[in-house]
Amino acid sequence: MGKFEIKKDKSDQFRFNLKASNGQVILSSEAYKTKASCDNGIESVRKNSQDDAKYDRKTAKDGSPYFNLKASNGQVIGASQMYSNASAMENGIASVKKNAPDAVVEEV
């Protein structure tokens, strides 16, 4: 089962990573000023992760595919890692869809 890990960064802001059951990070958040805002971001990922239209498939300057998950208002709520090819990116999206709804939340 996947999990959301919440941690404070060096600037004392909160971030979360969604990890698959194998421990690999599949989605990373922006920085949030408060833990409550971070918690809201996690709930937004849970809610929006099932809608394929909320995934913005992108290509980095070096040609690596990646994706952003967007909320209903169009704001990015999570970004993926860089992938080696489009098929691997699609597997990453499938993993977010599978893991996000029931992922536990841990503070680290």
PDB file of N, CA and C in Angstrom:
ATOM      1  N   MET A   1       0.841  -1.187   0.000  1.00  0.00           N
ATOM      2  CA  MET A   1       0.000   0.000   0.000  1.00  0.00           C
ATOM      3  C   MET A   1       0.886   1.251   0.000  1.00  0.00           C
ATOM      4  N   GLY A   2       0.462   2.270  -0.705  1.00  0.00           N
ATOM      5  CA  GLY A   2       1.214   3.509  -0.778  1.00  0.00           C
ATOM      6  C   GLY A   2       1.065   4.347   0.483  1.00  0.00           C
ATOM      7  N   LYS A   3       1.893   5.390   0.563  1.00  0.00           N
ATOM      8  CA  LYS A   3       1.768   6.293   1.702  1.00  0.00           C
ATOM      9  C   LYS A   3       2.214   7.694   1.323  1.00  0.00           C
ATOM     10  N   PHE A   4       1.624   8.660   1.995  1.00  0.00           N
ATOM     11  CA  PHE A   4       2.046  10.053   1.906  1.00  0.00           C
ATOM     12  C   PHE A   4       2.990  10.301   3.072  1.00  0.00           C
ATOM     13  N   GLU A   5       4.165  10.844   2.781  1.00  0.00           N
ATOM     14  CA  GLU A   5       5.089  11.236   3.835  1.00  0.00           C
ATOM     15  C   GLU A   5       5.168  12.755   3.863  1.00  0.00           C
ATOM     16  N   ILE A   6       4.891  13.314   5.040  1.00  0.00           N
ATOM     17  CA  ILE A   6       4.970  14.764   5.235  1.00  0.00           C
ATOM     18  C   ILE A   6       6.266  15.065   5.973  1.00  0.00           C
ATOM     19  N   LYS A   7       6.991  16.070   5.484  1.00  0.00           N
ATOM     20  CA  LYS A   7       8.198  16.488   6.188  1.00  0.00           C
ATOM     21  C   LYS A   7       8.367  17.997   6.057  1.00  0.00           C
ATOM     22  N   LYS A   8       9.142  18.558   6.984  1.00  0.00           N
ATOM     23  CA  LYS A   8       9.494  19.975   6.922  1.00  0.00           C
ATOM     24  C   LYS A   8      10.785  20.116   6.149  1.00  0.00           C
ATOM     25  N   ASP A   9      10.846  21.124   5.277  1.00  0.00           N
ATOM     26  CA  ASP A   9      12.078  21.353   4.529  1.00  0.00           C
ATOM     27  C   ASP A   9      12.978  22.346   5.273  1.00  0.00           C
ATOM     28  N   LYS A  10      14.089  22.694   4.666  1.00  0.00           N
ATOM     29  CA  LYS A  10      15.071  23.574   5.324  1.00  0.00           C
ATOM     30  C   LYS A  10      14.523  24.961   5.608  1.00  0.00           C
ATOM     31  N   SER A  11      13.526  25.387   4.826  1.00  0.00           N
ATOM     32  CA  SER A  11      12.932  26.713   5.043  1.00  0.00           C
ATOM     33  C   SER A  11      11.715  26.637   5.968  1.00  0.00           C
ATOM     34  N   ASP A  12      11.579  25.513   6.691  1.00  0.00           N
ATOM     35  CA  ASP A  12      10.530  25.328   7.692  1.00  0.00           C
ATOM     36  C   ASP A  12       9.130  25.277   7.069  1.00  0.00           C
ATOM     37  N   GLN A  13       9.053  24.824   5.823  1.00  0.00           N
ATOM     38  CA  GLN A  13       7.760  24.646   5.176  1.00  0.00           C
ATOM     39  C   GLN A  13       7.486  23.143   5.036  1.00  0.00           C
ATOM     40  N   PHE A  14       6.216  22.813   4.836  1.00  0.00           N
ATOM     41  CA  PHE A  14       5.799  21.419   4.758  1.00  0.00           C
ATOM     42  C   PHE A  14       5.699  20.967   3.305  1.00  0.00           C
ATOM     43  N   ARG A  15       6.122  19.732   3.061  1.00  0.00           N
ATOM     44  CA  ARG A  15       6.025  19.098   1.739  1.00  0.00           C
ATOM     45  C   ARG A  15       5.570  17.660   1.949  1.00  0.00           C
ATOM     46  N   PHE A  16       4.956  17.095   0.923  1.00  0.00           N
ATOM     47  CA  PHE A  16       4.655  15.668   0.989  1.00  0.00           C
ATOM     48  C   PHE A  16       5.149  14.962  -0.263  1.00  0.00           C
ATOM     49  N   ASN A  17       5.454  13.685  -0.083  1.00  0.00           N
ATOM     50  CA  ASN A  17       5.753  12.775  -1.179  1.00  0.00           C
ATOM     51  C   ASN A  17       4.750  11.637  -1.104  1.00  0.00           C
ATOM     52  N   LEU A  18       4.210  11.258  -2.245  1.00  0.00           N
ATOM     53  CA  LEU A  18       3.416  10.040  -2.325  1.00  0.00           C
ATOM     54  C   LEU A  18       4.363   8.944  -2.770  1.00  0.00           C
ATOM     55  N   LYS A  19       4.439   7.885  -1.959  1.00  0.00           N
ATOM     56  CA  LYS A  19       5.321   6.768  -2.270  1.00  0.00           C
ATOM     57  C   LYS A  19       4.488   5.534  -2.595  1.00  0.00           C
ATOM     58  N   ALA A  20       4.943   4.785  -3.588  1.00  0.00           N
ATOM     59  CA  ALA A  20       4.306   3.517  -3.937  1.00  0.00           C
ATOM     60  C   ALA A  20       4.676   2.478  -2.875  1.00  0.00           C
ATOM     61  N   SER A  21       4.053   1.310  -2.955  1.00  0.00           N
ATOM     62  CA  SER A  21       4.301   0.266  -1.959  1.00  0.00           C
ATOM     63  C   SER A  21       5.759  -0.187  -1.946  1.00  0.00           C
ATOM     64  N   ASN A  22       6.487   0.017  -3.049  1.00  0.00           N
ATOM     65  CA  ASN A  22       7.911  -0.353  -3.090  1.00  0.00           C
ATOM     66  C   ASN A  22       8.814   0.745  -2.530  1.00  0.00           C
ATOM     67  N   GLY A  23       8.220   1.845  -2.036  1.00  0.00           N
ATOM     68  CA  GLY A  23       8.986   2.936  -1.428  1.00  0.00           C
ATOM     69  C   GLY A  23       9.434   4.014  -2.396  1.00  0.00           C
ATOM     70  N   GLN A  24       9.146   3.829  -3.684  1.00  0.00           N
ATOM     71  CA  GLN A  24       9.557   4.813  -4.691  1.00  0.00           C
ATOM     72  C   GLN A  24       8.625   6.026  -4.660  1.00  0.00           C
ATOM     73  N   VAL A  25       9.212   7.230  -4.714  1.00  0.00           N
ATOM     74  CA  VAL A  25       8.418   8.461  -4.761  1.00  0.00           C
ATOM     75  C   VAL A  25       7.769   8.564  -6.142  1.00  0.00           C
ATOM     76  N   ILE A  26       6.431   8.729  -6.153  1.00  0.00           N
ATOM     77  CA  ILE A  26       5.722   8.834  -7.430  1.00  0.00           C
ATOM     78  C   ILE A  26       5.092  10.211  -7.635  1.00  0.00           C
ATOM     79  N   LEU A  27       5.022  11.013  -6.571  1.00  0.00           N
ATOM     80  CA  LEU A  27       4.484  12.367  -6.689  1.00  0.00           C
ATOM     81  C   LEU A  27       5.036  13.211  -5.550  1.00  0.00           C
ATOM     82  N   SER A  28       5.479  14.432  -5.859  1.00  0.00           N
ATOM     83  CA  SER A  28       6.014  15.354  -4.848  1.00  0.00           C
ATOM     84  C   SER A  28       5.243  16.654  -4.890  1.00  0.00           C
ATOM     85  N   SER A  29       5.016  17.228  -3.720  1.00  0.00           N
ATOM     86  CA  SER A  29       4.220  18.456  -3.625  1.00  0.00           C
ATOM     87  C   SER A  29       5.082  19.699  -3.689  1.00  0.00           C
ATOM     88  N   GLU A  30       4.390  20.820  -3.774  1.00  0.00           N
ATOM     89  CA  GLU A  30       5.006  22.124  -3.586  1.00  0.00           C
ATOM     90  C   GLU A  30       5.225  22.319  -2.085  1.00  0.00           C
ATOM     91  N   ALA A  31       5.761  23.469  -1.693  1.00  0.00           N
ATOM     92  CA  ALA A  31       5.939  23.800  -0.278  1.00  0.00           C
ATOM     93  C   ALA A  31       4.678  24.480   0.251  1.00  0.00           C
ATOM     94  N   TYR A  32       4.311  24.103   1.467  1.00  0.00           N
ATOM     95  CA  TYR A  32       3.152  24.696   2.146  1.00  0.00           C
ATOM     96  C   TYR A  32       3.620  25.361   3.427  1.00  0.00           C
ATOM     97  N   LYS A  33       3.037  26.505   3.746  1.00  0.00           N
ATOM     98  CA  LYS A  33       3.436  27.240   4.955  1.00  0.00           C
ATOM     99  C   LYS A  33       2.951  26.557   6.231  1.00  0.00           C
ATOM    100  N   THR A  34       1.817  25.867   6.162  1.00  0.00           N
ATOM    101  CA  THR A  34       1.266  25.223   7.353  1.00  0.00           C
ATOM    102  C   THR A  34       1.000  23.745   7.081  1.00  0.00           C
ATOM    103  N   LYS A  35       0.961  22.955   8.150  1.00  0.00           N
ATOM    104  CA  LYS A  35       0.653  21.540   8.015  1.00  0.00           C
ATOM    105  C   LYS A  35      -0.783  21.364   7.526  1.00  0.00           C
ATOM    106  N   ALA A  36      -1.684  22.229   7.974  1.00  0.00           N
ATOM    107  CA  ALA A  36      -3.084  22.140   7.533  1.00  0.00           C
ATOM    108  C   ALA A  36      -3.187  22.298   6.017  1.00  0.00           C
ATOM    109  N   SER A  37      -2.417  23.227   5.465  1.00  0.00           N
ATOM    110  CA  SER A  37      -2.407  23.412   4.005  1.00  0.00           C
ATOM    111  C   SER A  37      -1.843  22.176   3.307  1.00  0.00           C
ATOM    112  N   CYS A  38      -0.816  21.588   3.899  1.00  0.00           N
ATOM    113  CA  CYS A  38      -0.222  20.373   3.355  1.00  0.00           C
ATOM    114  C   CYS A  38      -1.254  19.235   3.377  1.00  0.00           C
ATOM    115  N   ASP A  39      -1.970  19.110   4.488  1.00  0.00           N
ATOM    116  CA  ASP A  39      -3.032  18.102   4.590  1.00  0.00           C
ATOM    117  C   ASP A  39      -4.098  18.319   3.513  1.00  0.00           C
ATOM    118  N   ASN A  40      -4.447  19.576   3.259  1.00  0.00           N
ATOM    119  CA  ASN A  40      -5.422  19.884   2.206  1.00  0.00           C
ATOM    120  C   ASN A  40      -4.889  19.476   0.839  1.00  0.00           C
ATOM    121  N   GLY A  41      -3.582  19.649   0.625  1.00  0.00           N
ATOM    122  CA  GLY A  41      -2.962  19.222  -0.624  1.00  0.00           C
ATOM    123  C   GLY A  41      -3.081  17.724  -0.820  1.00  0.00           C
ATOM    124  N   ILE A  42      -2.870  16.974   0.256  1.00  0.00           N
ATOM    125  CA  ILE A  42      -3.000  15.514   0.187  1.00  0.00           C
ATOM    126  C   ILE A  42      -4.436  15.136  -0.168  1.00  0.00           C
ATOM    127  N   GLU A  43      -5.404  15.788   0.471  1.00  0.00           N
ATOM    128  CA  GLU A  43      -6.806  15.485   0.155  1.00  0.00           C
ATOM    129  C   GLU A  43      -7.124  15.829  -1.296  1.00  0.00           C
ATOM    130  N   SER A  44      -6.521  16.889  -1.804  1.00  0.00           N
ATOM    131  CA  SER A  44      -6.724  17.268  -3.204  1.00  0.00           C
ATOM    132  C   SER A  44      -6.146  16.207  -4.141  1.00  0.00           C
ATOM    133  N   VAL A  45      -4.988  15.647  -3.770  1.00  0.00           N
ATOM    134  CA  VAL A  45      -4.410  14.557  -4.573  1.00  0.00           C
ATOM    135  C   VAL A  45      -5.359  13.360  -4.563  1.00  0.00           C
ATOM    136  N   ARG A  46      -5.860  13.001  -3.383  1.00  0.00           N
ATOM    137  CA  ARG A  46      -6.804  11.873  -3.296  1.00  0.00           C
ATOM    138  C   ARG A  46      -7.999  12.095  -4.227  1.00  0.00           C
ATOM    139  N   LYS A  47      -8.544  13.306  -4.185  1.00  0.00           N
ATOM    140  CA  LYS A  47      -9.757  13.629  -4.943  1.00  0.00           C
ATOM    141  C   LYS A  47      -9.505  13.684  -6.448  1.00  0.00           C
ATOM    142  N   ASN A  48      -8.398  14.289  -6.835  1.00  0.00           N
ATOM    143  CA  ASN A  48      -8.153  14.536  -8.262  1.00  0.00           C
ATOM    144  C   ASN A  48      -7.388  13.421  -8.965  1.00  0.00           C
ATOM    145  N   SER A  49      -6.808  12.498  -8.208  1.00  0.00           N
ATOM    146  CA  SER A  49      -5.938  11.478  -8.810  1.00  0.00           C
ATOM    147  C   SER A  49      -6.677  10.516  -9.727  1.00  0.00           C
ATOM    148  N   GLN A  50      -7.979  10.386  -9.567  1.00  0.00           N
ATOM    149  CA  GLN A  50      -8.727   9.417 -10.371  1.00  0.00           C
ATOM    150  C   GLN A  50      -9.175   9.962 -11.717  1.00  0.00           C
ATOM    151  N   ASP A  51      -9.022  11.270 -11.933  1.00  0.00           N
ATOM    152  CA  ASP A  51      -9.470  11.918 -13.174  1.00  0.00           C
ATOM    153  C   ASP A  51      -8.282  12.093 -14.117  1.00  0.00           C
ATOM    154  N   ASP A  52      -8.256  11.305 -15.199  1.00  0.00           N
ATOM    155  CA  ASP A  52      -7.120  11.342 -16.119  1.00  0.00           C
ATOM    156  C   ASP A  52      -6.896  12.732 -16.707  1.00  0.00           C
ATOM    157  N   ALA A  53      -7.960  13.509 -16.830  1.00  0.00           N
ATOM    158  CA  ALA A  53      -7.845  14.862 -17.403  1.00  0.00           C
ATOM    159  C   ALA A  53      -7.045  15.795 -16.496  1.00  0.00           C
ATOM    160  N   LYS A  54      -6.860  15.428 -15.228  1.00  0.00           N
ATOM    161  CA  LYS A  54      -6.119  16.272 -14.281  1.00  0.00           C
ATOM    162  C   LYS A  54      -4.608  16.061 -14.379  1.00  0.00           C
ATOM    163  N   TYR A  55      -4.192  15.095 -15.197  1.00  0.00           N
ATOM    164  CA  TYR A  55      -2.764  14.836 -15.385  1.00  0.00           C
ATOM    165  C   TYR A  55      -2.274  15.599 -16.602  1.00  0.00           C
ATOM    166  N   ASP A  56      -1.307  16.472 -16.368  1.00  0.00           N
ATOM    167  CA  ASP A  56      -0.714  17.276 -17.431  1.00  0.00           C
ATOM    168  C   ASP A  56       0.610  16.615 -17.816  1.00  0.00           C
ATOM    169  N   ARG A  57       0.599  15.940 -18.947  1.00  0.00           N
ATOM    170  CA  ARG A  57       1.794  15.228 -19.404  1.00  0.00           C
ATOM    171  C   ARG A  57       2.734  16.221 -20.075  1.00  0.00           C
ATOM    172  N   LYS A  58       3.997  16.219 -19.644  1.00  0.00           N
ATOM    173  CA  LYS A  58       4.974  17.210 -20.093  1.00  0.00           C
ATOM    174  C   LYS A  58       6.251  16.532 -20.569  1.00  0.00           C
ATOM    175  N   THR A  59       7.097  17.329 -21.221  1.00  0.00           N
ATOM    176  CA  THR A  59       8.422  16.873 -21.616  1.00  0.00           C
ATOM    177  C   THR A  59       9.434  17.919 -21.170  1.00  0.00           C
ATOM    178  N   ALA A  60      10.452  17.476 -20.449  1.00  0.00           N
ATOM    179  CA  ALA A  60      11.510  18.376 -19.978  1.00  0.00           C
ATOM    180  C   ALA A  60      12.408  18.772 -21.149  1.00  0.00           C
ATOM    181  N   LYS A  61      13.248  19.780 -20.921  1.00  0.00           N
ATOM    182  CA  LYS A  61      14.163  20.258 -21.971  1.00  0.00           C
ATOM    183  C   LYS A  61      15.072  19.158 -22.502  1.00  0.00           C
ATOM    184  N   ASP A  62      15.413  18.200 -21.640  1.00  0.00           N
ATOM    185  CA  ASP A  62      16.293  17.107 -22.082  1.00  0.00           C
ATOM    186  C   ASP A  62      15.521  15.969 -22.752  1.00  0.00           C
ATOM    187  N   GLY A  63      14.205  16.147 -22.915  1.00  0.00           N
ATOM    188  CA  GLY A  63      13.384  15.144 -23.576  1.00  0.00           C
ATOM    189  C   GLY A  63      12.735  14.138 -22.637  1.00  0.00           C
ATOM    190  N   SER A  64      13.021  14.232 -21.335  1.00  0.00           N
ATOM    191  CA  SER A  64      12.451  13.288 -20.371  1.00  0.00           C
ATOM    192  C   SER A  64      10.975  13.604 -20.118  1.00  0.00           C
ATOM    193  N   PRO A  65      10.103  12.599 -20.219  1.00  0.00           N
ATOM    194  CA  PRO A  65       8.698  12.829 -19.903  1.00  0.00           C
ATOM    195  C   PRO A  65       8.474  12.881 -18.390  1.00  0.00           C
ATOM    196  N   TYR A  66       7.496  13.690 -17.982  1.00  0.00           N
ATOM    197  CA  TYR A  66       7.061  13.767 -16.591  1.00  0.00           C
ATOM    198  C   TYR A  66       5.631  14.274 -16.595  1.00  0.00           C
ATOM    199  N   PHE A  67       4.995  14.307 -15.413  1.00  0.00           N
ATOM    200  CA  PHE A  67       3.629  14.804 -15.348  1.00  0.00           C
ATOM    201  C   PHE A  67       3.415  15.651 -14.104  1.00  0.00           C
ATOM    202  N   ASN A  68       2.420  16.525 -14.201  1.00  0.00           N
ATOM    203  CA  ASN A  68       1.919  17.281 -13.060  1.00  0.00           C
ATOM    204  C   ASN A  68       0.476  16.857 -12.833  1.00  0.00           C
ATOM    205  N   LEU A  69       0.083  16.760 -11.576  1.00  0.00           N
ATOM    206  CA  LEU A  69      -1.318  16.527 -11.224  1.00  0.00           C
ATOM    207  C   LEU A  69      -1.898  17.868 -10.822  1.00  0.00           C
ATOM    208  N   LYS A  70      -3.019  18.233 -11.441  1.00  0.00           N
ATOM    209  CA  LYS A  70      -3.624  19.536 -11.182  1.00  0.00           C
ATOM    210  C   LYS A  70      -4.946  19.399 -10.444  1.00  0.00           C
ATOM    211  N   ALA A  71      -5.248  20.412  -9.642  1.00  0.00           N
ATOM    212  CA  ALA A  71      -6.525  20.494  -8.945  1.00  0.00           C
ATOM    213  C   ALA A  71      -7.583  21.039  -9.898  1.00  0.00           C
ATOM    214  N   SER A  72      -8.813  21.080  -9.431  1.00  0.00           N
ATOM    215  CA  SER A  72      -9.925  21.587 -10.242  1.00  0.00           C
ATOM    216  C   SER A  72      -9.702  23.019 -10.709  1.00  0.00           C
ATOM    217  N   ASN A  73      -8.970  23.814  -9.902  1.00  0.00           N
ATOM    218  CA  ASN A  73      -8.708  25.217 -10.256  1.00  0.00           C
ATOM    219  C   ASN A  73      -7.508  25.368 -11.185  1.00  0.00           C
ATOM    220  N   GLY A  74      -6.907  24.242 -11.590  1.00  0.00           N
ATOM    221  CA  GLY A  74      -5.774  24.286 -12.504  1.00  0.00           C
ATOM    222  C   GLY A  74      -4.420  24.398 -11.833  1.00  0.00           C
ATOM    223  N   GLN A  75      -4.407  24.541 -10.501  1.00  0.00           N
ATOM    224  CA  GLN A  75      -3.143  24.665  -9.772  1.00  0.00           C
ATOM    225  C   GLN A  75      -2.466  23.297  -9.669  1.00  0.00           C
ATOM    226  N   VAL A  76      -1.141  23.284  -9.847  1.00  0.00           N
ATOM    227  CA  VAL A  76      -0.384  22.037  -9.719  1.00  0.00           C
ATOM    228  C   VAL A  76      -0.324  21.650  -8.244  1.00  0.00           C
ATOM    229  N   ILE A  77      -0.727  20.404  -7.942  1.00  0.00           N
ATOM    230  CA  ILE A  77      -0.680  19.921  -6.555  1.00  0.00           C
ATOM    231  C   ILE A  77       0.400  18.866  -6.359  1.00  0.00           C
ATOM    232  N   GLY A  78       0.948  18.375  -7.454  1.00  0.00           N
ATOM    233  CA  GLY A  78       2.034  17.412  -7.348  1.00  0.00           C
ATOM    234  C   GLY A  78       2.739  17.234  -8.675  1.00  0.00           C
ATOM    235  N   ALA A  79       4.024  16.930  -8.605  1.00  0.00           N
ATOM    236  CA  ALA A  79       4.832  16.712  -9.806  1.00  0.00           C
ATOM    237  C   ALA A  79       5.538  15.372  -9.682  1.00  0.00           C
ATOM    238  N   SER A  80       5.727  14.727 -10.818  1.00  0.00           N
ATOM    239  CA  SER A  80       6.410  13.431 -10.831  1.00  0.00           C
ATOM    240  C   SER A  80       7.905  13.619 -10.976  1.00  0.00           C
ATOM    241  N   GLN A  81       8.600  12.513 -10.924  1.00  0.00           N
ATOM    242  CA  GLN A  81      10.015  12.470 -11.283  1.00  0.00           C
ATOM    243  C   GLN A  81      10.122  12.528 -12.798  1.00  0.00           C
ATOM    244  N   MET A  82      11.333  12.572 -13.307  1.00  0.00           N
ATOM    245  CA  MET A  82      11.571  12.456 -14.747  1.00  0.00           C
ATOM    246  C   MET A  82      11.614  10.969 -15.099  1.00  0.00           C
ATOM    247  N   TYR A  83      11.019  10.622 -16.213  1.00  0.00           N
ATOM    248  CA  TYR A  83      10.980   9.228 -16.648  1.00  0.00           C
ATOM    249  C   TYR A  83      11.835   9.037 -17.898  1.00  0.00           C
ATOM    250  N   SER A  84      12.204   7.791 -18.154  1.00  0.00           N
ATOM    251  CA  SER A  84      13.048   7.475 -19.306  1.00  0.00           C
ATOM    252  C   SER A  84      12.263   7.462 -20.612  1.00  0.00           C
ATOM    253  N   ASN A  85      10.948   7.191 -20.514  1.00  0.00           N
ATOM    254  CA  ASN A  85      10.120   7.169 -21.719  1.00  0.00           C
ATOM    255  C   ASN A  85       8.654   7.377 -21.355  1.00  0.00           C
ATOM    256  N   ALA A  86       7.817   7.578 -22.361  1.00  0.00           N
ATOM    257  CA  ALA A  86       6.403   7.885 -22.131  1.00  0.00           C
ATOM    258  C   ALA A  86       5.676   6.726 -21.465  1.00  0.00           C
ATOM    259  N   SER A  87       6.051   5.506 -21.804  1.00  0.00           N
ATOM    260  CA  SER A  87       5.411   4.343 -21.206  1.00  0.00           C
ATOM    261  C   SER A  87       5.670   4.287 -19.693  1.00  0.00           C
ATOM    262  N   ALA A  88       6.895   4.578 -19.294  1.00  0.00           N
ATOM    263  CA  ALA A  88       7.236   4.607 -17.865  1.00  0.00           C
ATOM    264  C   ALA A  88       6.451   5.711 -17.160  1.00  0.00           C
ATOM    265  N   MET A  89       6.273   6.861 -17.827  1.00  0.00           N
ATOM    266  CA  MET A  89       5.484   7.950 -17.254  1.00  0.00           C
ATOM    267  C   MET A  89       4.034   7.508 -17.054  1.00  0.00           C
ATOM    268  N   GLU A  90       3.459   6.833 -18.036  1.00  0.00           N
ATOM    269  CA  GLU A  90       2.081   6.348 -17.911  1.00  0.00           C
ATOM    270  C   GLU A  90       1.954   5.352 -16.762  1.00  0.00           C
ATOM    271  N   ASN A  91       2.985   4.535 -16.554  1.00  0.00           N
ATOM    272  CA  ASN A  91       2.987   3.630 -15.404  1.00  0.00           C
ATOM    273  C   ASN A  91       3.007   4.416 -14.098  1.00  0.00           C
ATOM    274  N   GLY A  92       3.724   5.541 -14.077  1.00  0.00           N
ATOM    275  CA  GLY A  92       3.749   6.408 -12.901  1.00  0.00           C
ATOM    276  C   GLY A  92       2.377   6.986 -12.605  1.00  0.00           C
ATOM    277  N   ILE A  93       1.680   7.426 -13.645  1.00  0.00           N
ATOM    278  CA  ILE A  93       0.318   7.955 -13.475  1.00  0.00           C
ATOM    279  C   ILE A  93      -0.597   6.861 -12.939  1.00  0.00           C
ATOM    280  N   ALA A  94      -0.491   5.654 -13.499  1.00  0.00           N
ATOM    281  CA  ALA A  94      -1.306   4.530 -13.026  1.00  0.00           C
ATOM    282  C   ALA A  94      -1.025   4.233 -11.554  1.00  0.00           C
ATOM    283  N   SER A  95       0.229   4.376 -11.150  1.00  0.00           N
ATOM    284  CA  SER A  95       0.604   4.130  -9.761  1.00  0.00           C
ATOM    285  C   SER A  95       0.005   5.178  -8.828  1.00  0.00           C
ATOM    286  N   VAL A  96      -0.016   6.444  -9.259  1.00  0.00           N
ATOM    287  CA  VAL A  96      -0.659   7.489  -8.446  1.00  0.00           C
ATOM    288  C   VAL A  96      -2.145   7.171  -8.306  1.00  0.00           C
ATOM    289  N   LYS A  97      -2.791   6.826  -9.416  1.00  0.00           N
ATOM    290  CA  LYS A  97      -4.229   6.496  -9.375  1.00  0.00           C
ATOM    291  C   LYS A  97      -4.510   5.336  -8.421  1.00  0.00           C
ATOM    292  N   LYS A  98      -3.616   4.355  -8.416  1.00  0.00           N
ATOM    293  CA  LYS A  98      -3.792   3.171  -7.573  1.00  0.00           C
ATOM    294  C   LYS A  98      -3.527   3.474  -6.103  1.00  0.00           C
ATOM    295  N   ASN A  99      -2.463   4.224  -5.821  1.00  0.00           N
ATOM    296  CA  ASN A  99      -2.000   4.393  -4.443  1.00  0.00           C
ATOM    297  C   ASN A  99      -2.621   5.560  -3.681  1.00  0.00           C
ATOM    298  N   ALA A 100      -2.943   6.658  -4.366  1.00  0.00           N
ATOM    299  CA  ALA A 100      -3.366   7.880  -3.660  1.00  0.00           C
ATOM    300  C   ALA A 100      -4.641   7.726  -2.823  1.00  0.00           C
ATOM    301  N   PRO A 101      -5.697   7.084  -3.330  1.00  0.00           N
ATOM    302  CA  PRO A 101      -6.962   7.094  -2.573  1.00  0.00           C
ATOM    303  C   PRO A 101      -6.868   6.516  -1.168  1.00  0.00           C
ATOM    304  N   ASP A 102      -6.099   5.458  -0.977  1.00  0.00           N
ATOM    305  CA  ASP A 102      -6.067   4.757   0.309  1.00  0.00           C
ATOM    306  C   ASP A 102      -4.729   4.874   1.032  1.00  0.00           C
ATOM    307  N   ALA A 103      -3.844   5.722   0.539  1.00  0.00           N
ATOM    308  CA  ALA A 103      -2.513   5.844   1.146  1.00  0.00           C
ATOM    309  C   ALA A 103      -2.615   6.410   2.558  1.00  0.00           C
ATOM    310  N   VAL A 104      -1.843   5.831   3.464  1.00  0.00           N
ATOM    311  CA  VAL A 104      -1.767   6.352   4.826  1.00  0.00           C
ATOM    312  C   VAL A 104      -0.899   7.601   4.816  1.00  0.00           C
ATOM    313  N   VAL A 105      -1.019   8.412   5.858  1.00  0.00           N
ATOM    314  CA  VAL A 105      -0.223   9.635   5.987  1.00  0.00           C
ATOM    315  C   VAL A 105       0.723   9.475   7.160  1.00  0.00           C
ATOM    316  N   GLU A 106       2.004   9.717   6.926  1.00  0.00           N
ATOM    317  CA  GLU A 106       3.020   9.645   7.980  1.00  0.00           C
ATOM    318  C   GLU A 106       3.815  10.935   8.007  1.00  0.00           C
ATOM    319  N   GLU A 107       4.146  11.381   9.212  1.00  0.00           N
ATOM    320  CA  GLU A 107       5.068  12.515   9.339  1.00  0.00           C
ATOM    321  C   GLU A 107       6.456  11.970   9.605  1.00  0.00           C
ATOM    322  N   VAL A 108       7.443  12.497   8.879  1.00  0.00           N
ATOM    323  CA  VAL A 108       8.816  12.026   9.070  1.00  0.00           C
ATOM    324  C   VAL A 108       9.712  13.189   9.476  1.00  0.00           C
TER     325      VAL A 108
END
